[in-house]
Amino acid sequence: MTPYIPGVWLKWIFIIFLIYVSGQFILQASKVSQNHTSKNISINNSIFIFAGTLIGIFAALVGVGGGVLVVPFLQKCGIDMRKAIGTSAAFTLPVAIGGTVGYIIAGWHTPQLPQYCLGFIYLPAALTIMLTSIPMAKVGVQIAQKLSIKKLIKFFGVFLLLLAIKLIIS
């Protein structure tokens, strides 16, 4: 689908989305009490499957991990911020494997790729990412557990805003 949608459109759609969602998180953080409890909302599994599919497609189109999109969706569904981040993190490995296989297949017959490429995957970079992801995920969990929900929501909003600014500058 990306050959049919100009990359600049995808970039600006994503930037607008990030700015909107970051604003929602930052505003929400100011309204959260210290003993915040999540809403108990019941959502049909087919809605989660449909939303997950859309999130996966959009994340692939704009070249980001799905967590940037999954966490806001889960928050809107009333799921506690820590659970939303944990759920998103739990799906990182299967999504990464699927994406990696997809990029290997997509680039399999591409001529003149750099040395050490397997399809569109540059193996030294992939290895570095794999070796650092697991320990850094543990650090992220420890930080998330120490922060109040209010700070966690605000930090996530600021992170999304910084990501939008980086995309605007690049």
N, C-alpha and C. Protein backbone atom coordinates (compact mmCIF):
# COMPACT_ATOMS: atom_id res chain seq x y z
N MET A 1 0.81 -1.19 0.00
CA MET A 1 0.00 0.00 0.00
C MET A 1 0.86 1.26 0.00
N THR A 2 2.05 1.21 0.60
CA THR A 2 2.89 2.41 0.66
C THR A 2 3.30 2.95 -0.70
N PRO A 3 3.41 2.14 -1.76
CA PRO A 3 3.73 2.76 -3.06
C PRO A 3 2.61 3.68 -3.56
N TYR A 4 1.40 3.52 -3.02
CA TYR A 4 0.26 4.30 -3.49
C TYR A 4 -0.04 5.51 -2.62
N ILE A 5 0.55 5.57 -1.45
CA ILE A 5 0.34 6.70 -0.54
C ILE A 5 1.68 7.41 -0.40
N PRO A 6 1.73 8.69 -0.80
CA PRO A 6 3.00 9.41 -0.68
C PRO A 6 3.52 9.40 0.76
N GLY A 7 4.81 9.14 0.91
CA GLY A 7 5.43 9.08 2.23
C GLY A 7 5.24 10.34 3.04
N VAL A 8 5.25 11.49 2.38
CA VAL A 8 5.08 12.74 3.10
C VAL A 8 3.68 12.83 3.73
N TRP A 9 2.67 12.28 3.07
CA TRP A 9 1.32 12.26 3.64
C TRP A 9 1.29 11.40 4.90
N LEU A 10 1.88 10.20 4.80
CA LEU A 10 1.92 9.32 5.96
C LEU A 10 2.64 9.98 7.12
N LYS A 11 3.75 10.64 6.81
CA LYS A 11 4.53 11.31 7.85
C LYS A 11 3.68 12.36 8.55
N TRP A 12 2.99 13.21 7.80
CA TRP A 12 2.22 14.29 8.41
C TRP A 12 0.96 13.79 9.11
N ILE A 13 0.35 12.73 8.59
CA ILE A 13 -0.78 12.12 9.30
C ILE A 13 -0.31 11.61 10.65
N PHE A 14 0.84 10.96 10.66
CA PHE A 14 1.38 10.42 11.89
C PHE A 14 1.79 11.54 12.86
N ILE A 15 2.39 12.60 12.35
CA ILE A 15 2.78 13.73 13.20
C ILE A 15 1.55 14.35 13.85
N ILE A 16 0.50 14.56 13.08
CA ILE A 16 -0.74 15.14 13.63
C ILE A 16 -1.32 14.21 14.69
N PHE A 17 -1.32 12.91 14.40
CA PHE A 17 -1.80 11.93 15.38
C PHE A 17 -0.98 12.01 16.67
N LEU A 18 0.34 12.04 16.54
CA LEU A 18 1.21 12.09 17.72
C LEU A 18 0.97 13.35 18.55
N ILE A 19 0.83 14.48 17.88
CA ILE A 19 0.59 15.74 18.61
C ILE A 19 -0.74 15.68 19.34
N TYR A 20 -1.77 15.17 18.67
CA TYR A 20 -3.09 15.06 19.29
C TYR A 20 -3.04 14.14 20.51
N VAL A 21 -2.48 12.94 20.32
CA VAL A 21 -2.45 11.96 21.41
C VAL A 21 -1.55 12.44 22.55
N SER A 22 -0.42 13.06 22.23
CA SER A 22 0.45 13.56 23.30
C SER A 22 -0.27 14.63 24.11
N GLY A 23 -1.01 15.49 23.44
CA GLY A 23 -1.80 16.50 24.14
C GLY A 23 -2.83 15.87 25.06
N GLN A 24 -3.50 14.82 24.57
CA GLN A 24 -4.49 14.11 25.38
C GLN A 24 -3.83 13.51 26.63
N PHE A 25 -2.67 12.91 26.47
CA PHE A 25 -1.98 12.30 27.60
C PHE A 25 -1.52 13.36 28.60
N ILE A 26 -0.96 14.45 28.11
CA ILE A 26 -0.47 15.49 29.01
C ILE A 26 -1.64 16.11 29.78
N LEU A 27 -2.75 16.38 29.09
CA LEU A 27 -3.94 16.92 29.77
C LEU A 27 -4.53 15.90 30.74
N GLN A 28 -4.56 14.65 30.35
CA GLN A 28 -5.10 13.59 31.21
C GLN A 28 -4.27 13.47 32.48
N ALA A 29 -2.97 13.62 32.36
CA ALA A 29 -2.09 13.48 33.53
C ALA A 29 -2.42 14.51 34.59
N SER A 30 -2.82 15.71 34.17
CA SER A 30 -3.14 16.75 35.15
C SER A 30 -4.45 16.46 35.87
N LYS A 31 -5.28 15.57 35.33
CA LYS A 31 -6.58 15.25 35.93
C LYS A 31 -6.55 13.96 36.74
N VAL A 32 -5.45 13.22 36.68
CA VAL A 32 -5.37 11.93 37.37
C VAL A 32 -5.05 12.15 38.83
N SER A 33 -5.82 11.49 39.70
CA SER A 33 -5.53 11.58 41.13
C SER A 33 -4.44 10.57 41.49
N GLN A 34 -3.87 10.72 42.67
CA GLN A 34 -2.78 9.84 43.08
C GLN A 34 -3.26 8.39 43.24
N ASN A 35 -4.50 8.19 43.69
CA ASN A 35 -5.00 6.83 43.82
C ASN A 35 -5.95 6.52 42.66
N HIS A 36 -5.43 6.75 41.47
CA HIS A 36 -6.17 6.52 40.22
C HIS A 36 -6.44 5.04 40.02
N THR A 37 -7.66 4.72 39.68
CA THR A 37 -8.00 3.35 39.31
C THR A 37 -8.54 3.36 37.89
N SER A 38 -8.28 2.29 37.19
CA SER A 38 -8.74 2.23 35.80
C SER A 38 -10.22 1.92 35.76
N LYS A 39 -10.85 2.35 34.67
CA LYS A 39 -12.26 2.05 34.45
C LYS A 39 -12.36 0.58 34.06
N ASN A 40 -13.46 -0.02 34.41
CA ASN A 40 -13.69 -1.41 34.02
C ASN A 40 -14.62 -1.41 32.82
N ILE A 41 -14.06 -1.39 31.64
CA ILE A 41 -14.84 -1.35 30.42
C ILE A 41 -14.73 -2.71 29.74
N SER A 42 -15.87 -3.23 29.34
CA SER A 42 -15.87 -4.51 28.64
C SER A 42 -15.94 -4.25 27.14
N ILE A 43 -14.97 -4.79 26.43
CA ILE A 43 -14.92 -4.60 24.98
C ILE A 43 -14.85 -5.97 24.32
N ASN A 44 -15.62 -6.12 23.28
CA ASN A 44 -15.66 -7.36 22.52
C ASN A 44 -14.28 -7.66 21.94
N ASN A 45 -13.86 -8.92 21.98
CA ASN A 45 -12.55 -9.31 21.45
C ASN A 45 -12.40 -8.97 19.97
N SER A 46 -13.49 -9.03 19.22
CA SER A 46 -13.40 -8.72 17.79
C SER A 46 -13.00 -7.26 17.57
N ILE A 47 -13.37 -6.38 18.49
CA ILE A 47 -12.95 -4.97 18.40
C ILE A 47 -11.45 -4.87 18.60
N PHE A 48 -10.91 -5.63 19.57
CA PHE A 48 -9.47 -5.62 19.80
C PHE A 48 -8.73 -6.18 18.58
N ILE A 49 -9.27 -7.23 17.99
CA ILE A 49 -8.62 -7.82 16.80
C ILE A 49 -8.64 -6.83 15.65
N PHE A 50 -9.79 -6.19 15.43
CA PHE A 50 -9.91 -5.20 14.35
C PHE A 50 -8.97 -4.02 14.59
N ALA A 51 -8.99 -3.49 15.82
CA ALA A 51 -8.12 -2.35 16.16
C ALA A 51 -6.65 -2.75 16.04
N GLY A 52 -6.31 -3.94 16.51
CA GLY A 52 -4.93 -4.41 16.41
C GLY A 52 -4.46 -4.52 14.97
N THR A 53 -5.36 -4.98 14.11
CA THR A 53 -5.02 -5.09 12.69
C THR A 53 -4.77 -3.71 12.10
N LEU A 54 -5.66 -2.76 12.38
CA LEU A 54 -5.49 -1.40 11.87
C LEU A 54 -4.22 -0.76 12.41
N ILE A 55 -3.97 -0.95 13.70
CA ILE A 55 -2.77 -0.40 14.32
C ILE A 55 -1.52 -1.00 13.67
N GLY A 56 -1.53 -2.31 13.46
CA GLY A 56 -0.38 -2.97 12.83
C GLY A 56 -0.12 -2.47 11.43
N ILE A 57 -1.19 -2.30 10.66
CA ILE A 57 -1.04 -1.80 9.28
C ILE A 57 -0.48 -0.38 9.31
N PHE A 58 -1.07 0.49 10.13
CA PHE A 58 -0.62 1.88 10.17
C PHE A 58 0.80 1.98 10.69
N ALA A 59 1.13 1.21 11.71
CA ALA A 59 2.50 1.23 12.25
C ALA A 59 3.50 0.80 11.19
N ALA A 60 3.15 -0.22 10.42
CA ALA A 60 4.04 -0.66 9.34
C ALA A 60 4.19 0.41 8.27
N LEU A 61 3.10 1.10 7.95
CA LEU A 61 3.15 2.14 6.92
C LEU A 61 4.05 3.30 7.31
N VAL A 62 4.01 3.68 8.60
CA VAL A 62 4.81 4.84 9.02
C VAL A 62 6.15 4.42 9.60
N GLY A 63 6.39 3.12 9.74
CA GLY A 63 7.69 2.63 10.17
C GLY A 63 7.98 2.75 11.64
N VAL A 64 6.96 2.54 12.48
CA VAL A 64 7.18 2.60 13.92
C VAL A 64 6.72 1.29 14.55
N GLY A 65 7.15 1.07 15.78
CA GLY A 65 6.63 -0.05 16.53
C GLY A 65 5.19 0.25 16.93
N GLY A 66 4.41 -0.76 17.08
CA GLY A 66 2.99 -0.57 17.38
C GLY A 66 2.71 0.00 18.75
N GLY A 67 3.67 -0.07 19.68
CA GLY A 67 3.44 0.41 21.04
C GLY A 67 3.03 1.86 21.12
N VAL A 68 3.56 2.66 20.23
CA VAL A 68 3.23 4.09 20.19
C VAL A 68 1.74 4.26 19.90
N LEU A 69 1.15 3.30 19.22
CA LEU A 69 -0.27 3.36 18.87
C LEU A 69 -1.12 2.50 19.81
N VAL A 70 -0.58 1.39 20.28
CA VAL A 70 -1.34 0.47 21.13
C VAL A 70 -1.61 1.07 22.50
N VAL A 71 -0.62 1.69 23.11
CA VAL A 71 -0.80 2.24 24.46
C VAL A 71 -1.93 3.27 24.50
N PRO A 72 -1.97 4.25 23.59
CA PRO A 72 -3.11 5.18 23.61
C PRO A 72 -4.46 4.48 23.40
N PHE A 73 -4.49 3.48 22.51
CA PHE A 73 -5.74 2.75 22.28
C PHE A 73 -6.19 2.05 23.56
N LEU A 74 -5.28 1.34 24.22
CA LEU A 74 -5.64 0.63 25.45
C LEU A 74 -6.05 1.60 26.55
N GLN A 75 -5.41 2.75 26.61
CA GLN A 75 -5.80 3.77 27.59
C GLN A 75 -7.22 4.24 27.33
N LYS A 76 -7.57 4.47 26.06
CA LYS A 76 -8.93 4.89 25.70
C LYS A 76 -9.95 3.82 26.08
N CYS A 77 -9.50 2.56 26.09
CA CYS A 77 -10.38 1.45 26.47
C CYS A 77 -10.51 1.33 27.98
N GLY A 78 -9.84 2.20 28.72
CA GLY A 78 -9.95 2.21 30.17
C GLY A 78 -8.95 1.32 30.88
N ILE A 79 -7.96 0.86 30.18
CA ILE A 79 -6.95 -0.02 30.79
C ILE A 79 -5.90 0.83 31.49
N ASP A 80 -5.53 0.43 32.69
CA ASP A 80 -4.52 1.12 33.49
C ASP A 80 -3.24 1.31 32.67
N MET A 81 -2.59 2.46 32.86
CA MET A 81 -1.41 2.81 32.08
C MET A 81 -0.31 1.75 32.18
N ARG A 82 -0.06 1.24 33.38
CA ARG A 82 0.99 0.22 33.53
C ARG A 82 0.61 -1.05 32.77
N LYS A 83 -0.65 -1.43 32.85
CA LYS A 83 -1.10 -2.63 32.12
C LYS A 83 -1.05 -2.39 30.61
N ALA A 84 -1.38 -1.17 30.18
CA ALA A 84 -1.33 -0.85 28.75
C ALA A 84 0.10 -0.96 28.23
N ILE A 85 1.05 -0.43 28.99
CA ILE A 85 2.46 -0.50 28.58
C ILE A 85 2.94 -1.95 28.61
N GLY A 86 2.58 -2.68 29.66
CA GLY A 86 2.99 -4.08 29.76
C GLY A 86 2.40 -4.94 28.65
N THR A 87 1.13 -4.71 28.34
CA THR A 87 0.48 -5.46 27.26
C THR A 87 1.16 -5.16 25.93
N SER A 88 1.43 -3.89 25.70
CA SER A 88 2.11 -3.49 24.47
C SER A 88 3.49 -4.15 24.39
N ALA A 89 4.21 -4.15 25.49
CA ALA A 89 5.55 -4.74 25.52
C ALA A 89 5.50 -6.25 25.29
N ALA A 90 4.44 -6.90 25.79
CA ALA A 90 4.33 -8.35 25.63
C ALA A 90 4.20 -8.76 24.17
N PHE A 91 3.66 -7.87 23.35
CA PHE A 91 3.49 -8.19 21.94
C PHE A 91 4.67 -7.76 21.09
N THR A 92 5.67 -7.16 21.70
CA THR A 92 6.82 -6.67 20.95
C THR A 92 7.55 -7.78 20.21
N LEU A 93 7.83 -8.88 20.89
CA LEU A 93 8.60 -9.97 20.26
C LEU A 93 7.86 -10.58 19.07
N PRO A 94 6.59 -11.00 19.22
CA PRO A 94 5.93 -11.58 18.04
C PRO A 94 5.78 -10.58 16.89
N VAL A 95 5.53 -9.32 17.21
CA VAL A 95 5.40 -8.30 16.16
C VAL A 95 6.75 -8.11 15.48
N ALA A 96 7.83 -8.06 16.26
CA ALA A 96 9.17 -7.89 15.69
C ALA A 96 9.54 -9.07 14.79
N ILE A 97 9.20 -10.27 15.22
CA ILE A 97 9.49 -11.44 14.39
C ILE A 97 8.71 -11.37 13.08
N GLY A 98 7.43 -11.05 13.18
CA GLY A 98 6.61 -10.92 11.97
C GLY A 98 7.13 -9.85 11.03
N GLY A 99 7.49 -8.70 11.59
CA GLY A 99 8.03 -7.62 10.77
C GLY A 99 9.35 -7.99 10.13
N THR A 100 10.20 -8.65 10.89
CA THR A 100 11.50 -9.07 10.36
C THR A 100 11.34 -10.05 9.21
N VAL A 101 10.48 -11.03 9.40
CA VAL A 101 10.23 -12.00 8.33
C VAL A 101 9.67 -11.29 7.09
N GLY A 102 8.76 -10.35 7.32
CA GLY A 102 8.19 -9.60 6.20
C GLY A 102 9.24 -8.81 5.42
N TYR A 103 10.15 -8.15 6.13
CA TYR A 103 11.21 -7.38 5.46
C TYR A 103 12.24 -8.28 4.78
N ILE A 104 12.47 -9.46 5.36
CA ILE A 104 13.37 -10.41 4.69
C ILE A 104 12.75 -10.87 3.37
N ILE A 105 11.47 -11.25 3.42
CA ILE A 105 10.78 -11.72 2.21
C ILE A 105 10.68 -10.60 1.18
N ALA A 106 10.30 -9.39 1.63
CA ALA A 106 10.11 -8.27 0.70
C ALA A 106 11.41 -7.91 -0.02
N GLY A 107 12.54 -8.07 0.64
CA GLY A 107 13.80 -7.68 0.03
C GLY A 107 14.63 -8.83 -0.50
N TRP A 108 14.06 -10.03 -0.47
CA TRP A 108 14.83 -11.23 -0.81
C TRP A 108 15.51 -11.16 -2.17
N HIS A 109 14.82 -10.69 -3.18
CA HIS A 109 15.39 -10.67 -4.53
C HIS A 109 15.83 -9.27 -4.95
N THR A 110 16.01 -8.38 -4.00
CA THR A 110 16.44 -7.02 -4.33
C THR A 110 17.94 -7.02 -4.62
N PRO A 111 18.31 -6.53 -5.79
CA PRO A 111 19.75 -6.51 -6.13
C PRO A 111 20.48 -5.37 -5.41
N GLN A 112 21.77 -5.52 -5.28
CA GLN A 112 22.68 -4.49 -4.79
C GLN A 112 22.37 -4.00 -3.38
N LEU A 113 21.96 -4.90 -2.51
CA LEU A 113 21.81 -4.52 -1.11
C LEU A 113 23.20 -4.52 -0.47
N PRO A 114 23.38 -3.76 0.61
CA PRO A 114 24.69 -3.76 1.28
C PRO A 114 25.07 -5.15 1.79
N GLN A 115 26.36 -5.34 2.00
CA GLN A 115 26.85 -6.60 2.55
C GLN A 115 26.21 -6.82 3.92
N TYR A 116 26.00 -8.05 4.32
CA TYR A 116 25.41 -8.46 5.59
C TYR A 116 23.91 -8.18 5.67
N CYS A 117 23.25 -8.07 4.53
CA CYS A 117 21.80 -7.91 4.52
C CYS A 117 21.13 -9.24 4.21
N LEU A 118 20.05 -9.48 4.88
CA LEU A 118 19.19 -10.61 4.59
C LEU A 118 17.85 -10.00 4.20
N GLY A 119 17.57 -9.93 2.92
CA GLY A 119 16.43 -9.13 2.46
C GLY A 119 16.72 -7.68 2.81
N PHE A 120 15.72 -7.02 3.40
CA PHE A 120 15.91 -5.63 3.81
C PHE A 120 16.40 -5.51 5.26
N ILE A 121 16.83 -6.60 5.86
CA ILE A 121 17.32 -6.58 7.24
C ILE A 121 18.84 -6.52 7.23
N TYR A 122 19.39 -5.48 7.85
CA TYR A 122 20.84 -5.34 7.99
C TYR A 122 21.22 -6.05 9.28
N LEU A 123 21.84 -7.20 9.14
CA LEU A 123 22.07 -8.12 10.26
C LEU A 123 22.85 -7.51 11.44
N PRO A 124 23.93 -6.73 11.23
CA PRO A 124 24.61 -6.14 12.40
C PRO A 124 23.68 -5.24 13.24
N ALA A 125 22.84 -4.47 12.57
CA ALA A 125 21.90 -3.60 13.31
C ALA A 125 20.85 -4.45 14.02
N ALA A 126 20.34 -5.47 13.35
CA ALA A 126 19.33 -6.34 13.96
C ALA A 126 19.88 -7.02 15.20
N LEU A 127 21.12 -7.50 15.13
CA LEU A 127 21.75 -8.16 16.27
C LEU A 127 21.93 -7.18 17.43
N THR A 128 22.37 -5.98 17.14
CA THR A 128 22.55 -4.96 18.17
C THR A 128 21.22 -4.64 18.85
N ILE A 129 20.18 -4.48 18.06
CA ILE A 129 18.86 -4.18 18.61
C ILE A 129 18.38 -5.33 19.49
N MET A 130 18.55 -6.55 19.03
CA MET A 130 18.11 -7.71 19.81
C MET A 130 18.85 -7.80 21.14
N LEU A 131 20.16 -7.59 21.11
CA LEU A 131 20.97 -7.73 22.33
C LEU A 131 20.69 -6.64 23.36
N THR A 132 20.27 -5.45 22.92
CA THR A 132 20.01 -4.37 23.86
C THR A 132 18.55 -4.26 24.27
N SER A 133 17.64 -4.82 23.49
CA SER A 133 16.21 -4.68 23.78
C SER A 133 15.80 -5.35 25.08
N ILE A 134 16.27 -6.55 25.32
CA ILE A 134 15.83 -7.29 26.51
C ILE A 134 16.27 -6.60 27.80
N PRO A 135 17.55 -6.25 27.96
CA PRO A 135 17.91 -5.57 29.21
C PRO A 135 17.25 -4.20 29.35
N MET A 136 17.08 -3.49 28.25
CA MET A 136 16.46 -2.16 28.34
C MET A 136 14.97 -2.27 28.64
N ALA A 137 14.32 -3.34 28.21
CA ALA A 137 12.91 -3.56 28.55
C ALA A 137 12.77 -3.74 30.06
N LYS A 138 13.71 -4.46 30.66
CA LYS A 138 13.69 -4.64 32.11
C LYS A 138 13.86 -3.31 32.83
N VAL A 139 14.76 -2.48 32.33
CA VAL A 139 14.96 -1.14 32.92
C VAL A 139 13.68 -0.33 32.80
N GLY A 140 13.04 -0.40 31.64
CA GLY A 140 11.79 0.33 31.43
C GLY A 140 10.70 -0.10 32.39
N VAL A 141 10.59 -1.40 32.64
CA VAL A 141 9.59 -1.92 33.58
C VAL A 141 9.88 -1.40 34.98
N GLN A 142 11.15 -1.42 35.39
CA GLN A 142 11.52 -0.93 36.72
C GLN A 142 11.18 0.54 36.88
N ILE A 143 11.45 1.33 35.86
CA ILE A 143 11.13 2.77 35.92
C ILE A 143 9.62 2.96 35.99
N ALA A 144 8.87 2.24 35.17
CA ALA A 144 7.41 2.37 35.14
C ALA A 144 6.80 2.00 36.49
N GLN A 145 7.37 1.01 37.17
CA GLN A 145 6.84 0.59 38.47
C GLN A 145 7.10 1.63 39.55
N LYS A 146 8.18 2.40 39.41
CA LYS A 146 8.54 3.39 40.43
C LYS A 146 7.79 4.70 40.25
N LEU A 147 7.33 4.98 39.04
CA LEU A 147 6.64 6.24 38.77
C LEU A 147 5.17 6.16 39.15
N SER A 148 4.62 7.28 39.59
CA SER A 148 3.18 7.33 39.81
C SER A 148 2.48 7.27 38.45
N ILE A 149 1.22 6.87 38.46
CA ILE A 149 0.45 6.81 37.21
C ILE A 149 0.42 8.18 36.55
N LYS A 150 0.28 9.22 37.36
CA LYS A 150 0.23 10.59 36.84
C LYS A 150 1.51 10.92 36.05
N LYS A 151 2.67 10.62 36.65
CA LYS A 151 3.94 10.90 35.98
C LYS A 151 4.13 10.01 34.76
N LEU A 152 3.72 8.75 34.87
CA LEU A 152 3.86 7.82 33.75
C LEU A 152 3.07 8.30 32.54
N ILE A 153 1.85 8.75 32.77
CA ILE A 153 1.01 9.26 31.69
C ILE A 153 1.64 10.52 31.09
N LYS A 154 2.10 11.41 31.96
CA LYS A 154 2.71 12.65 31.47
C LYS A 154 3.99 12.36 30.68
N PHE A 155 4.85 11.48 31.19
CA PHE A 155 6.08 11.14 30.48
C PHE A 155 5.79 10.51 29.12
N PHE A 156 4.78 9.66 29.06
CA PHE A 156 4.43 9.05 27.77
C PHE A 156 3.95 10.13 26.80
N GLY A 157 3.16 11.07 27.29
CA GLY A 157 2.71 12.18 26.44
C GLY A 157 3.87 13.02 25.94
N VAL A 158 4.82 13.32 26.82
CA VAL A 158 6.00 14.09 26.42
C VAL A 158 6.84 13.30 25.41
N PHE A 159 6.97 11.99 25.64
CA PHE A 159 7.70 11.13 24.69
C PHE A 159 7.07 11.20 23.30
N LEU A 160 5.75 11.11 23.23
CA LEU A 160 5.07 11.18 21.93
C LEU A 160 5.26 12.55 21.28
N LEU A 161 5.23 13.61 22.09
CA LEU A 161 5.44 14.96 21.56
C LEU A 161 6.86 15.11 21.02
N LEU A 162 7.85 14.60 21.75
CA LEU A 162 9.24 14.65 21.27
C LEU A 162 9.41 13.85 19.97
N LEU A 163 8.71 12.73 19.87
CA LEU A 163 8.75 11.94 18.64
C LEU A 163 8.17 12.75 17.48
N ALA A 164 7.07 13.46 17.72
CA ALA A 164 6.47 14.30 16.67
C ALA A 164 7.44 15.41 16.25
N ILE A 165 8.09 16.04 17.22
CA ILE A 165 9.04 17.11 16.91
C ILE A 165 10.21 16.57 16.10
N LYS A 166 10.71 15.39 16.48
CA LYS A 166 11.80 14.78 15.72
C LYS A 166 11.38 14.53 14.27
N LEU A 167 10.17 14.06 14.08
CA LEU A 167 9.68 13.80 12.72
C LEU A 167 9.53 15.10 11.92
N ILE A 168 9.11 16.17 12.59
CA ILE A 168 8.97 17.46 11.91
C ILE A 168 10.34 17.97 11.47
N ILE A 169 11.34 17.83 12.34
CA ILE A 169 12.69 18.33 12.05
C ILE A 169 13.36 17.51 10.96
N SER A 170 13.15 16.19 10.96
CA SER A 170 13.85 15.33 9.99
C SER A 170 13.22 15.37 8.61
